[in-house]
């Protein structure tokens, strides 16, 4: 039981890290962060795609992932009682 709980906690930490990177990427796209503009335009992607669909989708993924991580922590807390 304890090793399973530790594995769940490690998975939750990994999810938080991935969610924060996705959130940063979405926010960078919405705010037209300068370092991402040149590679995107060099590959032929229109700048109008930065806000929608790229920025909105990644920001929504961030909030969904944070919700699922919170759900996992709540489940783990209830199991430990």
PDB file of N, CA and C in Angstrom:
ATOM      1  N   UNK A   1       0.830  -1.200   0.000  1.00  0.00           N
ATOM      2  CA  UNK A   1       0.000   0.000   0.000  1.00  0.00           C
ATOM      3  C   UNK A   1       0.864   1.249   0.000  1.00  0.00           C
ATOM      4  N   UNK A   2       1.914   1.259   0.830  1.00  0.00           N
ATOM      5  CA  UNK A   2       2.753   2.454   0.928  1.00  0.00           C
ATOM      6  C   UNK A   2       3.515   2.681  -0.369  1.00  0.00           C
ATOM      7  N   UNK A   3       4.054   1.622  -0.975  1.00  0.00           N
ATOM      8  CA  UNK A   3       4.793   1.785  -2.237  1.00  0.00           C
ATOM      9  C   UNK A   3       3.873   2.250  -3.353  1.00  0.00           C
ATOM     10  N   UNK A   4       2.629   1.813  -3.330  1.00  0.00           N
ATOM     11  CA  UNK A   4       1.673   2.270  -4.335  1.00  0.00           C
ATOM     12  C   UNK A   4       1.393   3.762  -4.141  1.00  0.00           C
ATOM     13  N   UNK A   5       1.274   4.200  -2.901  1.00  0.00           N
ATOM     14  CA  UNK A   5       1.040   5.616  -2.628  1.00  0.00           C
ATOM     15  C   UNK A   5       2.221   6.464  -3.069  1.00  0.00           C
ATOM     16  N   UNK A   6       3.446   5.982  -2.864  1.00  0.00           N
ATOM     17  CA  UNK A   6       4.628   6.719  -3.299  1.00  0.00           C
ATOM     18  C   UNK A   6       4.651   6.826  -4.818  1.00  0.00           C
ATOM     19  N   UNK A   7       4.282   5.754  -5.502  1.00  0.00           N
ATOM     20  CA  UNK A   7       4.240   5.779  -6.967  1.00  0.00           C
ATOM     21  C   UNK A   7       3.203   6.784  -7.463  1.00  0.00           C
ATOM     22  N   UNK A   8       2.075   6.870  -6.781  1.00  0.00           N
ATOM     23  CA  UNK A   8       1.043   7.839  -7.163  1.00  0.00           C
ATOM     24  C   UNK A   8       1.559   9.248  -6.957  1.00  0.00           C
ATOM     25  N   UNK A   9       2.256   9.506  -5.856  1.00  0.00           N
ATOM     26  CA  UNK A   9       2.802  10.837  -5.614  1.00  0.00           C
ATOM     27  C   UNK A   9       3.828  11.212  -6.669  1.00  0.00           C
ATOM     28  N   UNK A  10       4.700  10.279  -7.059  1.00  0.00           N
ATOM     29  CA  UNK A  10       5.678  10.570  -8.103  1.00  0.00           C
ATOM     30  C   UNK A  10       4.979  10.895  -9.413  1.00  0.00           C
ATOM     31  N   UNK A  11       3.934  10.167  -9.727  1.00  0.00           N
ATOM     32  CA  UNK A  11       3.181  10.429 -10.953  1.00  0.00           C
ATOM     33  C   UNK A  11       2.540  11.806 -10.896  1.00  0.00           C
ATOM     34  N   UNK A  12       2.017  12.181  -9.750  1.00  0.00           N
ATOM     35  CA  UNK A  12       1.408  13.495  -9.604  1.00  0.00           C
ATOM     36  C   UNK A  12       2.435  14.607  -9.792  1.00  0.00           C
ATOM     37  N   UNK A  13       3.646  14.433  -9.256  1.00  0.00           N
ATOM     38  CA  UNK A  13       4.683  15.444  -9.435  1.00  0.00           C
ATOM     39  C   UNK A  13       5.081  15.559 -10.895  1.00  0.00           C
ATOM     40  N   UNK A  14       5.162  14.436 -11.586  1.00  0.00           N
ATOM     41  CA  UNK A  14       5.480  14.456 -13.008  1.00  0.00           C
ATOM     42  C   UNK A  14       4.375  15.171 -13.784  1.00  0.00           C
ATOM     43  N   UNK A  15       3.123  14.909 -13.439  1.00  0.00           N
ATOM     44  CA  UNK A  15       2.003  15.579 -14.101  1.00  0.00           C
ATOM     45  C   UNK A  15       2.038  17.078 -13.867  1.00  0.00           C
ATOM     46  N   UNK A  16       2.370  17.486 -12.654  1.00  0.00           N
ATOM     47  CA  UNK A  16       2.433  18.926 -12.369  1.00  0.00           C
ATOM     48  C   UNK A  16       3.504  19.599 -13.211  1.00  0.00           C
ATOM     49  N   UNK A  17       4.646  18.928 -13.365  1.00  0.00           N
ATOM     50  CA  UNK A  17       5.718  19.498 -14.166  1.00  0.00           C
ATOM     51  C   UNK A  17       5.278  19.639 -15.623  1.00  0.00           C
ATOM     52  N   UNK A  18       4.668  18.593 -16.164  1.00  0.00           N
ATOM     53  CA  UNK A  18       4.190  18.661 -17.544  1.00  0.00           C
ATOM     54  C   UNK A  18       3.105  19.710 -17.716  1.00  0.00           C
ATOM     55  N   UNK A  19       2.226  19.811 -16.747  1.00  0.00           N
ATOM     56  CA  UNK A  19       1.157  20.808 -16.822  1.00  0.00           C
ATOM     57  C   UNK A  19       1.723  22.218 -16.780  1.00  0.00           C
ATOM     58  N   UNK A  20       2.732  22.445 -15.947  1.00  0.00           N
ATOM     59  CA  UNK A  20       3.309  23.789 -15.882  1.00  0.00           C
ATOM     60  C   UNK A  20       4.021  24.150 -17.175  1.00  0.00           C
ATOM     61  N   UNK A  21       4.679  23.182 -17.814  1.00  0.00           N
ATOM     62  CA  UNK A  21       5.334  23.458 -19.095  1.00  0.00           C
ATOM     63  C   UNK A  21       4.302  23.747 -20.189  1.00  0.00           C
ATOM     64  N   UNK A  22       3.201  23.007 -20.180  1.00  0.00           N
ATOM     65  CA  UNK A  22       2.141  23.261 -21.150  1.00  0.00           C
ATOM     66  C   UNK A  22       1.501  24.617 -20.907  1.00  0.00           C
ATOM     67  N   UNK A  23       1.297  24.968 -19.641  1.00  0.00           N
ATOM     68  CA  UNK A  23       0.732  26.265 -19.305  1.00  0.00           C
ATOM     69  C   UNK A  23       1.631  27.408 -19.738  1.00  0.00           C
ATOM     70  N   UNK A  24       2.936  27.261 -19.523  1.00  0.00           N
ATOM     71  CA  UNK A  24       3.875  28.293 -19.957  1.00  0.00           C
ATOM     72  C   UNK A  24       3.858  28.427 -21.472  1.00  0.00           C
ATOM     73  N   UNK A  25       3.828  27.308 -22.172  1.00  0.00           N
ATOM     74  CA  UNK A  25       3.817  27.321 -23.632  1.00  0.00           C
ATOM     75  C   UNK A  25       2.551  28.005 -24.162  1.00  0.00           C
ATOM     76  N   UNK A  26       1.412  27.710 -23.560  1.00  0.00           N
ATOM     77  CA  UNK A  26       0.162  28.345 -23.976  1.00  0.00           C
ATOM     78  C   UNK A  26       0.157  29.832 -23.703  1.00  0.00           C
ATOM     79  N   UNK A  27       0.661  30.221 -22.543  1.00  0.00           N
ATOM     80  CA  UNK A  27       0.732  31.642 -22.207  1.00  0.00           C
ATOM     81  C   UNK A  27       1.703  32.371 -23.128  1.00  0.00           C
ATOM     82  N   UNK A  28       2.833  31.724 -23.447  1.00  0.00           N
ATOM     83  CA  UNK A  28       3.804  32.322 -24.371  1.00  0.00           C
ATOM     84  C   UNK A  28       3.189  32.525 -25.747  1.00  0.00           C
ATOM     85  N   UNK A  29       2.362  31.583 -26.186  1.00  0.00           N
ATOM     86  CA  UNK A  29       1.711  31.716 -27.488  1.00  0.00           C
ATOM     87  C   UNK A  29       0.693  32.852 -27.477  1.00  0.00           C
ATOM     88  N   UNK A  30      -0.088  32.957 -26.406  1.00  0.00           N
ATOM     89  CA  UNK A  30      -1.102  34.017 -26.326  1.00  0.00           C
ATOM     90  C   UNK A  30      -0.454  35.396 -26.278  1.00  0.00           C
ATOM     91  N   UNK A  31       0.660  35.512 -25.548  1.00  0.00           N
ATOM     92  CA  UNK A  31       1.330  36.812 -25.396  1.00  0.00           C
ATOM     93  C   UNK A  31       2.348  37.096 -26.503  1.00  0.00           C
ATOM     94  N   UNK A  32       2.428  36.213 -27.492  1.00  0.00           N
ATOM     95  CA  UNK A  32       3.366  36.364 -28.623  1.00  0.00           C
ATOM     96  C   UNK A  32       4.798  36.543 -28.124  1.00  0.00           C
ATOM     97  N   UNK A  33       5.247  35.610 -27.305  1.00  0.00           N
ATOM     98  CA  UNK A  33       6.592  35.607 -26.742  1.00  0.00           C
ATOM     99  C   UNK A  33       7.609  35.578 -27.886  1.00  0.00           C
ATOM    100  N   UNK A  34       8.520  36.531 -27.902  1.00  0.00           N
ATOM    101  CA  UNK A  34       9.437  36.739 -29.033  1.00  0.00           C
ATOM    102  C   UNK A  34      10.252  35.505 -29.452  1.00  0.00           C
ATOM    103  N   UNK A  35      10.827  34.710 -28.531  1.00  0.00           N
ATOM    104  CA  UNK A  35      11.642  33.566 -28.969  1.00  0.00           C
ATOM    105  C   UNK A  35      10.879  32.486 -29.739  1.00  0.00           C
ATOM    106  N   UNK A  36       9.566  32.434 -29.645  1.00  0.00           N
ATOM    107  CA  UNK A  36       8.834  31.408 -30.393  1.00  0.00           C
ATOM    108  C   UNK A  36       8.335  31.907 -31.744  1.00  0.00           C
ATOM    109  N   UNK A  37       8.369  33.205 -31.970  1.00  0.00           N
ATOM    110  CA  UNK A  37       7.835  33.743 -33.218  1.00  0.00           C
ATOM    111  C   UNK A  37       8.680  33.362 -34.432  1.00  0.00           C
ATOM    112  N   UNK A  38       9.987  33.536 -34.345  1.00  0.00           N
ATOM    113  CA  UNK A  38      10.845  33.280 -35.499  1.00  0.00           C
ATOM    114  C   UNK A  38      10.812  31.820 -35.964  1.00  0.00           C
ATOM    115  N   UNK A  39      10.959  30.820 -35.069  1.00  0.00           N
ATOM    116  CA  UNK A  39      10.885  29.433 -35.558  1.00  0.00           C
ATOM    117  C   UNK A  39       9.527  29.073 -36.158  1.00  0.00           C
ATOM    118  N   UNK A  40       8.465  29.635 -35.609  1.00  0.00           N
ATOM    119  CA  UNK A  40       7.133  29.315 -36.137  1.00  0.00           C
ATOM    120  C   UNK A  40       6.934  29.913 -37.525  1.00  0.00           C
ATOM    121  N   UNK A  41       7.325  31.155 -37.703  1.00  0.00           N
ATOM    122  CA  UNK A  41       7.162  31.768 -39.019  1.00  0.00           C
ATOM    123  C   UNK A  41       8.130  31.162 -40.036  1.00  0.00           C
ATOM    124  N   UNK A  42       9.292  30.711 -39.592  1.00  0.00           N
ATOM    125  CA  UNK A  42      10.241  30.065 -40.504  1.00  0.00           C
ATOM    126  C   UNK A  42       9.691  28.753 -41.046  1.00  0.00           C
ATOM    127  N   UNK A  43       8.815  28.108 -40.306  1.00  0.00           N
ATOM    128  CA  UNK A  43       8.218  26.849 -40.754  1.00  0.00           C
ATOM    129  C   UNK A  43       6.867  27.050 -41.440  1.00  0.00           C
ATOM    130  N   UNK A  44       6.511  28.309 -41.660  1.00  0.00           N
ATOM    131  CA  UNK A  44       5.304  28.597 -42.421  1.00  0.00           C
ATOM    132  C   UNK A  44       4.017  28.656 -41.630  1.00  0.00           C
ATOM    133  N   UNK A  45       4.095  28.704 -40.317  1.00  0.00           N
ATOM    134  CA  UNK A  45       2.883  28.774 -39.501  1.00  0.00           C
ATOM    135  C   UNK A  45       2.446  30.234 -39.371  1.00  0.00           C
ATOM    136  N   UNK A  46       1.200  30.532 -39.664  1.00  0.00           N
ATOM    137  CA  UNK A  46       0.748  31.919 -39.548  1.00  0.00           C
ATOM    138  C   UNK A  46       0.721  32.390 -38.096  1.00  0.00           C
ATOM    139  N   UNK A  47       1.052  33.646 -37.913  1.00  0.00           N
ATOM    140  CA  UNK A  47       1.094  34.210 -36.564  1.00  0.00           C
ATOM    141  C   UNK A  47      -0.303  34.301 -35.944  1.00  0.00           C
ATOM    142  N   UNK A  48      -1.327  34.309 -36.767  1.00  0.00           N
ATOM    143  CA  UNK A  48      -2.693  34.392 -36.248  1.00  0.00           C
ATOM    144  C   UNK A  48      -3.093  33.124 -35.492  1.00  0.00           C
ATOM    145  N   UNK A  49      -2.368  32.027 -35.686  1.00  0.00           N
ATOM    146  CA  UNK A  49      -2.664  30.788 -34.987  1.00  0.00           C
ATOM    147  C   UNK A  49      -2.174  30.791 -33.549  1.00  0.00           C
ATOM    148  N   UNK A  50      -1.406  31.791 -33.159  1.00  0.00           N
ATOM    149  CA  UNK A  50      -0.820  31.785 -31.813  1.00  0.00           C
ATOM    150  C   UNK A  50      -1.879  31.867 -30.723  1.00  0.00           C
ATOM    151  N   UNK A  51      -2.855  32.732 -30.904  1.00  0.00           N
ATOM    152  CA  UNK A  51      -3.878  32.861 -29.853  1.00  0.00           C
ATOM    153  C   UNK A  51      -4.849  31.690 -29.926  1.00  0.00           C
ATOM    154  N   UNK A  52      -5.454  31.516 -31.112  1.00  0.00           N
ATOM    155  CA  UNK A  52      -6.348  30.375 -31.301  1.00  0.00           C
ATOM    156  C   UNK A  52      -5.924  29.687 -32.576  1.00  0.00           C
ATOM    157  N   UNK A  53      -5.671  28.453 -32.573  1.00  0.00           N
ATOM    158  CA  UNK A  53      -5.996  27.394 -31.632  1.00  0.00           C
ATOM    159  C   UNK A  53      -4.887  27.047 -30.644  1.00  0.00           C
ATOM    160  N   UNK A  54      -3.644  27.481 -30.882  1.00  0.00           N
ATOM    161  CA  UNK A  54      -2.519  26.982 -30.089  1.00  0.00           C
ATOM    162  C   UNK A  54      -2.579  27.448 -28.636  1.00  0.00           C
ATOM    163  N   UNK A  55      -2.633  28.760 -28.410  1.00  0.00           N
ATOM    164  CA  UNK A  55      -2.591  29.289 -27.048  1.00  0.00           C
ATOM    165  C   UNK A  55      -3.779  28.869 -26.200  1.00  0.00           C
ATOM    166  N   UNK A  56      -4.968  28.957 -26.767  1.00  0.00           N
ATOM    167  CA  UNK A  56      -6.182  28.593 -26.022  1.00  0.00           C
ATOM    168  C   UNK A  56      -6.179  27.106 -25.676  1.00  0.00           C
ATOM    169  N   UNK A  57      -5.788  26.261 -26.639  1.00  0.00           N
ATOM    170  CA  UNK A  57      -5.797  24.812 -26.393  1.00  0.00           C
ATOM    171  C   UNK A  57      -4.796  24.424 -25.310  1.00  0.00           C
ATOM    172  N   UNK A  58      -3.593  24.981 -25.378  1.00  0.00           N
ATOM    173  CA  UNK A  58      -2.585  24.618 -24.380  1.00  0.00           C
ATOM    174  C   UNK A  58      -2.946  25.151 -22.999  1.00  0.00           C
ATOM    175  N   UNK A  59      -3.520  26.330 -22.940  1.00  0.00           N
ATOM    176  CA  UNK A  59      -3.935  26.876 -21.645  1.00  0.00           C
ATOM    177  C   UNK A  59      -5.080  26.047 -21.057  1.00  0.00           C
ATOM    178  N   UNK A  60      -6.000  25.611 -21.895  1.00  0.00           N
ATOM    179  CA  UNK A  60      -7.090  24.747 -21.423  1.00  0.00           C
ATOM    180  C   UNK A  60      -6.548  23.409 -20.931  1.00  0.00           C
ATOM    181  N   UNK A  61      -5.566  22.856 -21.637  1.00  0.00           N
ATOM    182  CA  UNK A  61      -4.931  21.610 -21.182  1.00  0.00           C
ATOM    183  C   UNK A  61      -4.301  21.793 -19.811  1.00  0.00           C
ATOM    184  N   UNK A  62      -3.684  22.947 -19.591  1.00  0.00           N
ATOM    185  CA  UNK A  62      -3.059  23.230 -18.302  1.00  0.00           C
ATOM    186  C   UNK A  62      -4.087  23.174 -17.176  1.00  0.00           C
ATOM    187  N   UNK A  63      -5.213  23.850 -17.361  1.00  0.00           N
ATOM    188  CA  UNK A  63      -6.225  23.861 -16.308  1.00  0.00           C
ATOM    189  C   UNK A  63      -6.864  22.484 -16.112  1.00  0.00           C
ATOM    190  N   UNK A  64      -7.026  21.721 -17.174  1.00  0.00           N
ATOM    191  CA  UNK A  64      -7.552  20.359 -17.035  1.00  0.00           C
ATOM    192  C   UNK A  64      -6.568  19.470 -16.276  1.00  0.00           C
ATOM    193  N   UNK A  65      -5.283  19.597 -16.598  1.00  0.00           N
ATOM    194  CA  UNK A  65      -4.276  18.766 -15.928  1.00  0.00           C
ATOM    195  C   UNK A  65      -4.190  19.110 -14.442  1.00  0.00           C
ATOM    196  N   UNK A  66      -4.249  20.384 -14.111  1.00  0.00           N
ATOM    197  CA  UNK A  66      -4.214  20.786 -12.700  1.00  0.00           C
ATOM    198  C   UNK A  66      -5.420  20.204 -11.963  1.00  0.00           C
ATOM    199  N   UNK A  67      -6.574  20.195 -12.606  1.00  0.00           N
ATOM    200  CA  UNK A  67      -7.763  19.606 -11.989  1.00  0.00           C
ATOM    201  C   UNK A  67      -7.618  18.114 -11.760  1.00  0.00           C
ATOM    202  N   UNK A  68      -7.054  17.392 -12.720  1.00  0.00           N
ATOM    203  CA  UNK A  68      -6.869  15.950 -12.564  1.00  0.00           C
ATOM    204  C   UNK A  68      -5.822  15.631 -11.501  1.00  0.00           C
ATOM    205  N   UNK A  69      -4.774  16.441 -11.413  1.00  0.00           N
ATOM    206  CA  UNK A  69      -3.764  16.228 -10.369  1.00  0.00           C
ATOM    207  C   UNK A  69      -4.396  16.458  -9.002  1.00  0.00           C
ATOM    208  N   UNK A  70      -5.204  17.502  -8.891  1.00  0.00           N
ATOM    209  CA  UNK A  70      -5.895  17.752  -7.631  1.00  0.00           C
ATOM    210  C   UNK A  70      -6.825  16.618  -7.259  1.00  0.00           C
ATOM    211  N   UNK A  71      -7.478  16.034  -8.238  1.00  0.00           N
ATOM    212  CA  UNK A  71      -8.345  14.891  -8.002  1.00  0.00           C
ATOM    213  C   UNK A  71      -7.547  13.689  -7.503  1.00  0.00           C
ATOM    214  N   UNK A  72      -6.365  13.469  -8.080  1.00  0.00           N
ATOM    215  CA  UNK A  72      -5.507  12.365  -7.648  1.00  0.00           C
ATOM    216  C   UNK A  72      -5.016  12.542  -6.223  1.00  0.00           C
ATOM    217  N   UNK A  73      -4.661  13.770  -5.857  1.00  0.00           N
ATOM    218  CA  UNK A  73      -4.203  14.042  -4.484  1.00  0.00           C
ATOM    219  C   UNK A  73      -5.352  13.850  -3.503  1.00  0.00           C
ATOM    220  N   UNK A  74      -6.544  14.291  -3.879  1.00  0.00           N
ATOM    221  CA  UNK A  74      -7.699  14.106  -2.998  1.00  0.00           C
ATOM    222  C   UNK A  74      -7.997  12.619  -2.807  1.00  0.00           C
ATOM    223  N   UNK A  75      -7.906  11.850  -3.862  1.00  0.00           N
ATOM    224  CA  UNK A  75      -8.128  10.400  -3.762  1.00  0.00           C
ATOM    225  C   UNK A  75      -7.100   9.753  -2.865  1.00  0.00           C
ATOM    226  N   UNK A  76      -5.836  10.155  -3.028  1.00  0.00           N
ATOM    227  CA  UNK A  76      -4.763   9.606  -2.200  1.00  0.00           C
ATOM    228  C   UNK A  76      -4.982   9.978  -0.732  1.00  0.00           C
ATOM    229  N   UNK A  77      -5.384  11.197  -0.478  1.00  0.00           N
ATOM    230  CA  UNK A  77      -5.625  11.628   0.901  1.00  0.00           C
ATOM    231  C   UNK A  77      -6.746  10.815   1.531  1.00  0.00           C
ATOM    232  N   UNK A  78      -7.786  10.551   0.797  1.00  0.00           N
ATOM    233  CA  UNK A  78      -8.895   9.756   1.334  1.00  0.00           C
ATOM    234  C   UNK A  78      -8.469   8.308   1.572  1.00  0.00           C
ATOM    235  N   UNK A  79      -7.561   7.777   0.763  1.00  0.00           N
ATOM    236  CA  UNK A  79      -7.098   6.413   0.958  1.00  0.00           C
ATOM    237  C   UNK A  79      -6.210   6.279   2.182  1.00  0.00           C
ATOM    238  N   UNK A  80      -5.496   7.338   2.540  1.00  0.00           N
ATOM    239  CA  UNK A  80      -4.577   7.286   3.685  1.00  0.00           C
ATOM    240  C   UNK A  80      -5.313   7.353   5.017  1.00  0.00           C
ATOM    241  N   UNK A  81      -6.534   7.789   5.018  1.00  0.00           N
ATOM    242  CA  UNK A  81      -7.273   7.919   6.275  1.00  0.00           C
ATOM    243  C   UNK A  81      -7.697   6.612   6.810  1.00  0.00           C
TER     244      UNK A  81
END
